[in-house]
Amino acid sequence: MSQDNLLRLKSPSGTMVYTRKNKKKLANVKLSLKKFDKKLRKRAVFKEVKK
């Protein structure tokens, strides 16, 4: 995978980070996904952060 297309999604607790491949047409929009956070033991909104 090219490093240009990778995104980092950080949990609200700040302990977990997901890495995801980005699509070019979504480049100007900050991505947020609802994923499971092991530390909080529930689903949380992971938001895009700087690399």
C-alpha atoms as a PDB file:
ATOM      1  CA  MET A   1       0.000   0.000   0.000  1.00  0.00           C
ATOM      2  CA  SER A   2       1.168   3.471  -0.773  1.00  0.00           C
ATOM      3  CA  GLN A   3       1.716   5.661   2.281  1.00  0.00           C
ATOM      4  CA  ASP A   4      -0.151   8.522   0.567  1.00  0.00           C
ATOM      5  CA  ASN A   5      -3.435   6.618   0.725  1.00  0.00           C
ATOM      6  CA  LEU A   6      -3.284   5.544   4.385  1.00  0.00           C
ATOM      7  CA  LEU A   7      -5.410   7.118   7.110  1.00  0.00           C
ATOM      8  CA  ARG A   8      -5.093   6.852  10.875  1.00  0.00           C
ATOM      9  CA  LEU A   9      -8.311   6.641  12.876  1.00  0.00           C
ATOM     10  CA  LYS A  10      -7.900   7.347  16.589  1.00  0.00           C
ATOM     11  CA  SER A  11     -10.290   6.365  19.374  1.00  0.00           C
ATOM     12  CA  PRO A  12     -11.758   8.900  21.831  1.00  0.00           C
ATOM     13  CA  SER A  13      -9.773   7.295  24.665  1.00  0.00           C
ATOM     14  CA  GLY A  14      -6.609   7.789  22.612  1.00  0.00           C
ATOM     15  CA  THR A  15      -5.359   4.254  23.148  1.00  0.00           C
ATOM     16  CA  MET A  16      -6.324   2.573  19.873  1.00  0.00           C
ATOM     17  CA  VAL A  17      -5.454   3.453  16.294  1.00  0.00           C
ATOM     18  CA  TYR A  18      -6.862   1.842  13.152  1.00  0.00           C
ATOM     19  CA  THR A  19      -5.107   2.205   9.801  1.00  0.00           C
ATOM     20  CA  ARG A  20      -7.310   2.338   6.751  1.00  0.00           C
ATOM     21  CA  LYS A  21      -6.848   2.835   3.025  1.00  0.00           C
ATOM     22  CA  ASN A  22      -8.326   6.097   1.703  1.00  0.00           C
ATOM     23  CA  LYS A  23     -10.135   6.713  -1.541  1.00  0.00           C
ATOM     24  CA  LYS A  24      -9.036   9.717  -3.578  1.00  0.00           C
ATOM     25  CA  LYS A  25     -12.489  11.297  -3.864  1.00  0.00           C
ATOM     26  CA  LEU A  26     -12.820  11.517  -0.053  1.00  0.00           C
ATOM     27  CA  ALA A  27      -9.505  13.332   0.381  1.00  0.00           C
ATOM     28  CA  ASN A  28     -11.022  16.653   1.486  1.00  0.00           C
ATOM     29  CA  VAL A  29     -13.447  15.165   4.040  1.00  0.00           C
ATOM     30  CA  LYS A  30     -12.373  14.022   7.529  1.00  0.00           C
ATOM     31  CA  LEU A  31     -13.441  10.437   8.021  1.00  0.00           C
ATOM     32  CA  SER A  32     -15.114   9.104  11.174  1.00  0.00           C
ATOM     33  CA  LEU A  33     -16.154   5.492  11.666  1.00  0.00           C
ATOM     34  CA  LYS A  34     -17.907   3.684  14.479  1.00  0.00           C
ATOM     35  CA  LYS A  35     -15.660   0.789  15.561  1.00  0.00           C
ATOM     36  CA  PHE A  36     -15.190  -1.339  18.681  1.00  0.00           C
ATOM     37  CA  ASP A  37     -12.775   0.087  21.268  1.00  0.00           C
ATOM     38  CA  LYS A  38     -11.224  -2.651  23.417  1.00  0.00           C
ATOM     39  CA  LYS A  39     -10.277  -0.256  26.218  1.00  0.00           C
ATOM     40  CA  LEU A  40     -13.801   1.177  26.576  1.00  0.00           C
ATOM     41  CA  ARG A  41     -15.374  -2.212  25.743  1.00  0.00           C
ATOM     42  CA  LYS A  42     -18.003  -0.613  23.530  1.00  0.00           C
ATOM     43  CA  ARG A  43     -18.404   0.934  20.105  1.00  0.00           C
ATOM     44  CA  ALA A  44     -16.950   4.407  19.745  1.00  0.00           C
ATOM     45  CA  VAL A  45     -16.481   6.948  16.968  1.00  0.00           C
ATOM     46  CA  PHE A  46     -12.940   6.814  15.615  1.00  0.00           C
ATOM     47  CA  LYS A  47     -11.885  10.071  13.928  1.00  0.00           C
ATOM     48  CA  GLU A  48      -9.196  10.736  11.354  1.00  0.00           C
ATOM     49  CA  VAL A  49      -5.977  12.231  12.735  1.00  0.00           C
ATOM     50  CA  LYS A  50      -2.746  13.445  11.205  1.00  0.00           C
ATOM     51  CA  LYS A  51      -0.095  10.821  10.360  1.00  0.00           C
END
